[in-house]
Amino acid sequence: MHSYIDHLTGEPRLAAPHGRLAGRLLRDHCNGNDGGLFWKNQGHDHFLIFSITAYQMVGMMVKEFFMFICQNCTVITIETSPTKTAIPGRTRKAWYAAPYPSSFHWYEGIQTLPWKLPDSKDHTNYPLRDILVLFIGSKKPSQPNSRALRQTLFSQCKSEDRCIWHETAHACNGVVNATNTMLLFRRAQYCPAPAGDSITRKSIFDALVAGCVPVIFSRATISQYSWHVSDKDIEDISVYIPMNDINEGGANFIEVLKSISPDQLLKKQEVSSFTFSLLQF
């Protein structure tokens, strides 16, 4: 089951016909023509893979599918609910999040590894990280709190010469084939990952693979990837600044990052780039 981006509107669309067909197959065909193999164990021995985020799981047949057909299925998706609990109309009994695939891909002729930290003596292949903060994305997500946070971060970023805010369209197609933009991750020290339409961002994993330390504003942004990241790992690979500290407390995230020592930064870079290079490549 999957979704797609409507390139006329930039909005995500659930491929509803697939949901209807899957429901019909499991509800009718499996129950009669093959001896009811699906229903033998009430779906406990079946897996479902989603390529959409939690907020996109709407539309025809979705609620019925999970509440009455695949309630006991194990679901692997790029995002679970932030609290890992059930929300109205959707069971979360066995949902597991798997990281987004990174835009950095391995190939046989690769010469410069994205997660390699720069050598102070040779900057030819691995330039020094001269960008303090890098954000690639939109200032206008659909969620009000996320929109307010991003606009505040943008204002704070503009006061720092070494902060780059690369504005994109409000859809994932805004960064497709943007090779030069993606390579900025390798020059950046910190990569903010504020929530947008949903709690997670693909750029978190691009940043981790490239050795840029994610700055998160909600622990659920990373904590739901429990198969890959422990609570201790979150402290080791990221910087956490609570959203309320920015939106309501008046904290300046640039100043928070400047207060982190170079040794602390290097340690986070080494742990994150090594850990996620193994996962992505």
Foldseek 3Di string as FASTA:
>chain_A
DEWDADVVVQDIADPVVVLVVVQCCQVPVLVPVPVNPCPPVQQQPAEAEYADEPVNQDDPNSLVCCPPGNVNHAYEYQYDALVLQDDPSHGNPHYAHDADFAPDADDPPDDAFLLDADDPVDCPRQHAQQAAEEEEEALDFPDPLLNLLSVLLVVLQVVDPRYYYHYFPHHPVRCPPVVVSLSNLSNYLEYEFGDGNHREDNVCLSNLQNLHAYEYQDPSRPPRNVVQAHPVLPVLQHHYDHSCCVNPVVDRVVVVSVPDDPVSSVRNSVSRNVSSVVVND
